Amino acid sequence: MMCLKIYIKGVVKGVGYLAYIYIQAERLSIKGYARYFSDDIVEVVAIGSEDTVSRFVDRLRFHDTMAIVNNIEINKCSDIALTNVESFEIYFS
């Protein structure tokens, strides 16, 4: 099981990118969450097998939304409690 914390910077708010992230997470059975970290950054926690998390990250980079992804920062999760997550959630606040 792999857990990554991903920060996606660019034009990501108000362009359907969170919905896209949710759909891709559901398709790949990724657990975790996505939320706006700031107006130009989305924070994503992705939990799954190494292969599926890798495919998920590729889909975050190469997408078919109106979002403009300028940079993606990827870190391994340090919070072991995150591995007990049961589904993928979107937080808007």
C-alpha atoms as a PDB file:
ATOM      1  CA  MET A   1       0.000   0.000   0.000  1.00  0.00           C
ATOM      2  CA  MET A   2       1.324   3.407  -0.967  1.00  0.00           C
ATOM      3  CA  CYS A   3       0.265   6.806   0.376  1.00  0.00           C
ATOM      4  CA  LEU A   4       1.231  10.042  -1.377  1.00  0.00           C
ATOM      5  CA  LYS A   5       0.465  13.648  -0.543  1.00  0.00           C
ATOM      6  CA  ILE A   6       0.307  15.613  -3.791  1.00  0.00           C
ATOM      7  CA  TYR A   7       0.215  19.385  -4.249  1.00  0.00           C
ATOM      8  CA  ILE A   8      -0.982  20.527  -7.666  1.00  0.00           C
ATOM      9  CA  LYS A   9      -0.334  24.178  -8.503  1.00  0.00           C
ATOM     10  CA  GLY A  10      -1.891  26.153 -11.336  1.00  0.00           C
ATOM     11  CA  VAL A  11      -5.313  27.265 -12.498  1.00  0.00           C
ATOM     12  CA  VAL A  12      -7.254  24.592 -10.621  1.00  0.00           C
ATOM     13  CA  LYS A  13     -10.183  26.334  -8.929  1.00  0.00           C
ATOM     14  CA  GLY A  14     -13.576  26.696 -10.608  1.00  0.00           C
ATOM     15  CA  VAL A  15     -12.672  24.627 -13.674  1.00  0.00           C
ATOM     16  CA  GLY A  16     -13.994  21.183 -12.723  1.00  0.00           C
ATOM     17  CA  TYR A  17     -10.635  19.823 -11.626  1.00  0.00           C
ATOM     18  CA  LEU A  18     -11.788  18.530  -8.212  1.00  0.00           C
ATOM     19  CA  ALA A  19     -14.641  16.644  -9.888  1.00  0.00           C
ATOM     20  CA  TYR A  20     -12.154  15.185 -12.365  1.00  0.00           C
ATOM     21  CA  ILE A  21      -9.853  14.097  -9.520  1.00  0.00           C
ATOM     22  CA  TYR A  22     -12.774  12.415  -7.756  1.00  0.00           C
ATOM     23  CA  ILE A  23     -13.849  10.531 -10.895  1.00  0.00           C
ATOM     24  CA  GLN A  24     -10.307   9.288 -11.532  1.00  0.00           C
ATOM     25  CA  ALA A  25      -9.895   8.215  -7.896  1.00  0.00           C
ATOM     26  CA  GLU A  26     -13.158   6.274  -8.053  1.00  0.00           C
ATOM     27  CA  ARG A  27     -12.178   4.594 -11.341  1.00  0.00           C
ATOM     28  CA  LEU A  28      -8.863   3.456  -9.887  1.00  0.00           C
ATOM     29  CA  SER A  29     -10.199   2.623  -6.385  1.00  0.00           C
ATOM     30  CA  ILE A  30      -7.904   5.225  -4.827  1.00  0.00           C
ATOM     31  CA  LYS A  31      -8.677   6.171  -1.251  1.00  0.00           C
ATOM     32  CA  GLY A  32      -7.906   9.563   0.312  1.00  0.00           C
ATOM     33  CA  TYR A  33      -9.110  13.073  -0.368  1.00  0.00           C
ATOM     34  CA  ALA A  34      -8.724  16.232  -2.431  1.00  0.00           C
ATOM     35  CA  ARG A  35      -9.230  19.801  -1.255  1.00  0.00           C
ATOM     36  CA  TYR A  36      -8.301  23.328  -2.170  1.00  0.00           C
ATOM     37  CA  PHE A  37      -5.151  24.206  -0.255  1.00  0.00           C
ATOM     38  CA  SER A  38      -5.312  27.758  -1.645  1.00  0.00           C
ATOM     39  CA  ASP A  39      -6.799  29.448  -4.716  1.00  0.00           C
ATOM     40  CA  ASP A  40      -4.081  28.008  -6.941  1.00  0.00           C
ATOM     41  CA  ILE A  41      -3.173  24.754  -5.146  1.00  0.00           C
ATOM     42  CA  VAL A  42      -5.079  21.488  -4.724  1.00  0.00           C
ATOM     43  CA  GLU A  43      -3.892  19.073  -2.035  1.00  0.00           C
ATOM     44  CA  VAL A  44      -4.531  15.390  -2.743  1.00  0.00           C
ATOM     45  CA  VAL A  45      -3.872  12.384  -0.538  1.00  0.00           C
ATOM     46  CA  ALA A  46      -3.840   9.193  -2.607  1.00  0.00           C
ATOM     47  CA  ILE A  47      -3.764   5.732  -1.049  1.00  0.00           C
ATOM     48  CA  GLY A  48      -3.624   2.526  -3.062  1.00  0.00           C
ATOM     49  CA  SER A  49      -1.281   0.046  -4.671  1.00  0.00           C
ATOM     50  CA  GLU A  50       1.917   1.464  -6.134  1.00  0.00           C
ATOM     51  CA  ASP A  51       0.681   0.819  -9.677  1.00  0.00           C
ATOM     52  CA  THR A  52      -2.716   2.463  -9.233  1.00  0.00           C
ATOM     53  CA  VAL A  53      -1.321   5.482  -7.370  1.00  0.00           C
ATOM     54  CA  SER A  54       1.236   5.935 -10.157  1.00  0.00           C
ATOM     55  CA  ARG A  55      -1.519   5.811 -12.809  1.00  0.00           C
ATOM     56  CA  PHE A  56      -3.585   8.265 -10.733  1.00  0.00           C
ATOM     57  CA  VAL A  57      -0.696  10.752 -10.598  1.00  0.00           C
ATOM     58  CA  ASP A  58      -0.299  10.470 -14.383  1.00  0.00           C
ATOM     59  CA  ARG A  59      -3.988  11.289 -14.788  1.00  0.00           C
ATOM     60  CA  LEU A  60      -3.585  14.338 -12.544  1.00  0.00           C
ATOM     61  CA  ARG A  61      -0.797  15.594 -14.825  1.00  0.00           C
ATOM     62  CA  PHE A  62      -2.389  14.740 -18.166  1.00  0.00           C
ATOM     63  CA  HIS A  63      -6.096  15.540 -18.007  1.00  0.00           C
ATOM     64  CA  ASP A  64      -8.923  16.782 -20.207  1.00  0.00           C
ATOM     65  CA  THR A  65     -10.231  19.618 -18.035  1.00  0.00           C
ATOM     66  CA  MET A  66      -9.959  23.391 -18.244  1.00  0.00           C
ATOM     67  CA  ALA A  67      -7.372  23.305 -15.435  1.00  0.00           C
ATOM     68  CA  ILE A  68      -3.812  24.397 -16.120  1.00  0.00           C
ATOM     69  CA  VAL A  69      -1.354  22.347 -14.081  1.00  0.00           C
ATOM     70  CA  ASN A  70       1.929  24.224 -13.692  1.00  0.00           C
ATOM     71  CA  ASN A  71       3.617  22.104 -11.045  1.00  0.00           C
ATOM     72  CA  ILE A  72       3.055  18.905  -9.069  1.00  0.00           C
ATOM     73  CA  GLU A  73       4.898  18.238  -5.804  1.00  0.00           C
ATOM     74  CA  ILE A  74       4.738  14.670  -4.515  1.00  0.00           C
ATOM     75  CA  ASN A  75       5.633  13.523  -0.995  1.00  0.00           C
ATOM     76  CA  LYS A  76       5.162  10.257   0.840  1.00  0.00           C
ATOM     77  CA  CYS A  77       2.519  10.470   3.563  1.00  0.00           C
ATOM     78  CA  SER A  78       3.972  10.648   7.026  1.00  0.00           C
ATOM     79  CA  ASP A  79       0.654  10.296   8.884  1.00  0.00           C
ATOM     80  CA  ILE A  80       0.044   6.573   9.350  1.00  0.00           C
ATOM     81  CA  ALA A  81      -3.582   7.282  10.350  1.00  0.00           C
ATOM     82  CA  LEU A  82      -4.323   8.198   6.734  1.00  0.00           C
ATOM     83  CA  THR A  83      -3.938   4.552   5.710  1.00  0.00           C
ATOM     84  CA  ASN A  84      -7.204   3.737   7.557  1.00  0.00           C
ATOM     85  CA  VAL A  85      -9.228   5.851   5.100  1.00  0.00           C
ATOM     86  CA  GLU A  86     -12.136   3.912   3.551  1.00  0.00           C
ATOM     87  CA  SER A  87     -13.036   6.018   0.476  1.00  0.00           C
ATOM     88  CA  PHE A  88     -12.101   9.104  -1.548  1.00  0.00           C
ATOM     89  CA  GLU A  89     -13.595  12.410  -0.444  1.00  0.00           C
ATOM     90  CA  ILE A  90     -13.695  15.950  -1.814  1.00  0.00           C
ATOM     91  CA  TYR A  91     -13.533  18.847   0.657  1.00  0.00           C
ATOM     92  CA  PHE A  92     -14.569  22.268  -0.633  1.00  0.00           C
ATOM     93  CA  SER A  93     -13.713  24.337   2.455  1.00  0.00           C
END
